[in-house]
Structures are given as structure tokens and as C-alpha cells.
Amino acid sequence: MGIFIHELKIWPVHFDPLIRGVKKAEYRWNDREFKVGDVLKFREWDPETEEYTGRHAFARVIHVADQPPIPAGFALLSLTRP
């Protein structure tokens, strides 16, 4: 098992708090089997233009909560930024 880099879309309303360091968690459908140590590359996505803005940010997963009361198939990822 290794560390993976996951590329994820993120809307501007969530991207700005991430880059300011106030967004510390991400709630996602766990279709990628996220693990502690994985790196998330968030690419800002504009839902109005349906295009990437060109901005991106990285975060590392430091905890994965995927047991009840988290609904099956979802994960709450605790993040740290470099």
C-alpha cells in the first residue's frame, strides 16, 4: 500500500477557506478509499462557467472517519496544509 495523490474538484466557496487555512476537513463520497497520508490536490471549479479556474491547493489526509455515525460510503477527512 502506498500514498496516493487524489485530484478533486472544489467550488470557490470552499476553496477560499481551504487556502486561508480555516477549512480543516472535507466530507466526501469515499469512492477512492482515502487513507491517512494521502495527498489531495484540490482544483478550483467554477460551477457557473463549468470550467477549472486554474487555481489549486494541496492538503494531506491526517485522519479518516468512515464508521457510524458517518453514513456508509462517505468519509470525513481531516486535513493539514503544507
Protein backbone atom coordinates (compact mmCIF):
# COMPACT_ATOMS: atom_id res chain seq x y z
CA MET A 1 0.00 0.00 0.00
CA GLY A 2 1.24 3.44 -0.84
CA ILE A 3 0.35 7.07 -0.61
CA PHE A 4 -1.88 8.34 -3.39
CA ILE A 5 -2.49 11.78 -4.83
CA HIS A 6 -6.20 12.34 -5.44
CA GLU A 7 -7.24 15.16 -7.76
CA LEU A 8 -10.55 16.65 -6.63
CA LYS A 9 -12.85 19.43 -7.82
CA ILE A 10 -13.70 22.11 -5.27
CA TRP A 11 -16.04 25.06 -5.65
CA PRO A 12 -14.76 28.60 -4.94
CA VAL A 13 -16.92 28.94 -1.80
CA HIS A 14 -14.97 26.02 -0.30
CA PHE A 15 -11.60 26.71 -1.96
CA ASP A 16 -11.05 30.11 -0.37
CA PRO A 17 -11.39 28.84 3.24
CA LEU A 18 -9.05 25.96 2.34
CA ILE A 19 -6.26 28.25 1.15
CA ARG A 20 -6.80 30.58 4.14
CA GLY A 21 -6.27 27.59 6.44
CA VAL A 22 -9.68 27.66 8.12
CA LYS A 23 -11.13 24.64 6.29
CA LYS A 24 -9.68 21.65 8.13
CA ALA A 25 -11.95 18.84 6.93
CA GLU A 26 -13.57 17.50 3.78
CA TYR A 27 -16.73 15.38 3.63
CA ARG A 28 -16.71 13.22 0.52
CA TRP A 29 -18.20 10.19 -1.14
CA ASN A 30 -15.47 7.64 -0.41
CA ASP A 31 -15.18 6.21 -3.91
CA ARG A 32 -11.37 6.45 -3.72
CA GLU A 33 -10.77 4.62 -0.44
CA PHE A 34 -8.99 7.59 1.14
CA LYS A 35 -6.21 6.72 3.60
CA VAL A 36 -4.17 8.63 6.17
CA GLY A 37 -1.17 10.11 4.40
CA ASP A 38 -2.89 10.51 1.04
CA VAL A 39 -2.44 13.87 -0.68
CA LEU A 40 -5.44 15.75 -2.04
CA LYS A 41 -4.93 18.13 -4.95
CA PHE A 42 -7.93 20.44 -4.91
CA ARG A 43 -8.58 22.12 -8.26
CA GLU A 44 -10.94 25.08 -8.06
CA TRP A 45 -14.01 24.53 -10.25
CA ASP A 46 -16.39 27.33 -11.20
CA PRO A 47 -19.91 25.86 -11.34
CA GLU A 48 -21.21 28.84 -13.33
CA THR A 49 -18.73 28.51 -16.20
CA GLU A 50 -18.28 24.75 -15.68
CA GLU A 51 -14.52 25.19 -16.01
CA TYR A 52 -11.47 24.99 -13.79
CA THR A 53 -10.20 28.42 -12.67
CA GLY A 54 -6.53 27.41 -12.80
CA ARG A 55 -6.05 27.67 -9.03
CA HIS A 56 -5.18 24.61 -6.97
CA ALA A 57 -4.06 23.69 -3.46
CA PHE A 58 -2.69 20.60 -1.75
CA ALA A 59 -3.65 19.04 1.57
CA ARG A 60 -2.64 15.83 3.36
CA VAL A 61 -5.17 13.49 4.98
CA ILE A 62 -4.34 13.09 8.69
CA HIS A 63 -7.50 11.21 9.78
CA VAL A 64 -10.30 9.33 8.04
CA ALA A 65 -13.67 8.92 9.77
CA ASP A 66 -15.75 6.41 7.82
CA GLN A 67 -17.62 4.48 10.51
CA PRO A 68 -21.06 5.24 12.01
CA PRO A 69 -22.39 7.80 12.52
CA ILE A 70 -20.78 8.69 9.17
CA PRO A 71 -23.17 7.28 6.53
CA ALA A 72 -21.99 4.21 4.63
CA GLY A 73 -19.95 5.12 1.56
CA PHE A 74 -18.88 8.54 2.86
CA ALA A 75 -15.77 9.75 4.67
CA LEU A 76 -14.92 12.77 6.77
CA LEU A 77 -11.28 13.61 6.04
CA SER A 78 -9.25 15.70 8.49
CA LEU A 79 -6.69 17.77 6.61
CA THR A 80 -3.41 19.55 7.12
CA ARG A 81 -1.91 22.00 4.68
CA PRO A 82 1.80 22.40 3.94
